[in-house]
Amino acid sequence: MFSLKNISVIRSGNLILNDITATIHTGDFITVIGSNGAGKTTLLETISGNLMPTKGTITFNDTDITNANEQQRAIFI
């Protein structure tokens, strides 16, 4: 199970993601949709570890991976 809890991201002084919360279970199929500038890429970069959230936690099977970088997260995702 993969969880995002209250994820917020501020880039260049702009609030891009605001309190995103989601739980994705093994086998789930999800789609991220939205208009240009809605934060889709920022969300995926945050999940991958390329971008650290300003606020919130990211967990994988109850392991907090919020502060793990891309290489550290690769074993989980």
Protein backbone atom coordinates (compact mmCIF):
# COMPACT_ATOMS: atom_id res chain seq x y z
CA MET A 1 0.00 0.00 0.00
CA PHE A 2 1.24 3.43 -0.96
CA SER A 3 -0.05 6.52 0.86
CA LEU A 4 0.20 10.25 0.50
CA LYS A 5 -0.98 12.21 3.51
CA ASN A 6 -1.48 15.99 3.44
CA ILE A 7 1.17 16.50 0.74
CA SER A 8 1.83 20.14 -0.11
CA VAL A 9 4.50 21.48 -2.44
CA ILE A 10 5.63 25.07 -2.85
CA ARG A 11 7.89 25.87 -5.81
CA SER A 12 9.29 29.33 -6.52
CA GLY A 13 6.94 30.77 -3.90
CA ASN A 14 3.84 29.24 -5.54
CA LEU A 15 1.62 26.63 -3.88
CA ILE A 16 1.45 23.82 -6.46
CA LEU A 17 -0.03 20.97 -4.41
CA ASN A 18 -2.24 21.64 -1.41
CA ASP A 19 -2.96 18.89 1.14
CA ILE A 20 -3.15 15.95 -1.29
CA THR A 21 -4.17 12.73 0.42
CA ALA A 22 -4.47 9.38 -1.37
CA THR A 23 -4.08 5.68 -0.69
CA ILE A 24 -3.15 3.30 -3.49
CA HIS A 25 -3.45 -0.41 -2.86
CA THR A 26 -1.49 -3.14 -4.64
CA GLY A 27 -3.19 -3.87 -7.94
CA ASP A 28 -4.95 -0.50 -8.14
CA PHE A 29 -4.92 1.27 -11.48
CA ILE A 30 -4.95 5.05 -11.24
CA THR A 31 -4.95 7.92 -13.69
CA VAL A 32 -3.83 11.47 -12.97
CA ILE A 33 -5.70 14.00 -15.07
CA GLY A 34 -5.93 17.77 -15.08
CA SER A 35 -5.38 20.86 -17.13
CA ASN A 36 -2.00 22.41 -17.88
CA GLY A 37 -0.43 23.72 -14.70
CA ALA A 38 -2.68 21.68 -12.40
CA GLY A 39 0.28 19.95 -10.70
CA LYS A 40 0.33 16.51 -12.34
CA THR A 41 4.07 16.51 -13.00
CA THR A 42 4.79 17.99 -9.59
CA LEU A 43 2.77 15.17 -7.99
CA LEU A 44 4.68 12.50 -9.92
CA GLU A 45 8.03 14.14 -9.19
CA THR A 46 7.13 14.22 -5.50
CA ILE A 47 6.10 10.56 -5.49
CA SER A 48 9.32 9.55 -7.27
CA GLY A 49 11.55 11.47 -4.86
CA ASN A 50 12.79 13.93 -7.47
CA LEU A 51 11.05 16.70 -5.51
CA MET A 52 10.60 16.80 -1.74
CA PRO A 53 7.23 17.86 -0.34
CA THR A 54 7.02 21.05 1.68
CA LYS A 55 4.56 19.35 4.02
CA GLY A 56 3.07 15.89 4.51
CA THR A 57 4.20 12.27 4.49
CA ILE A 58 4.65 9.54 1.91
CA THR A 59 4.59 5.92 3.07
CA PHE A 60 5.02 2.57 1.37
CA ASN A 61 3.82 -0.46 3.35
CA ASP A 62 3.97 1.62 6.56
CA THR A 63 7.58 2.71 5.88
CA ASP A 64 8.00 6.48 5.80
CA ILE A 65 9.81 7.35 2.56
CA THR A 66 9.08 11.09 2.62
CA ASN A 67 12.72 12.15 2.87
CA ALA A 68 14.15 9.37 0.69
CA ASN A 69 15.67 10.45 -2.62
CA GLU A 70 14.96 8.87 -6.02
CA GLN A 71 17.52 6.12 -5.64
CA GLN A 72 16.37 5.22 -2.14
CA ARG A 73 12.71 5.10 -3.22
CA ALA A 74 13.43 2.94 -6.26
CA ILE A 75 13.48 -0.19 -4.11
CA PHE A 76 9.96 0.59 -2.89
CA ILE A 77 8.16 1.89 -5.96
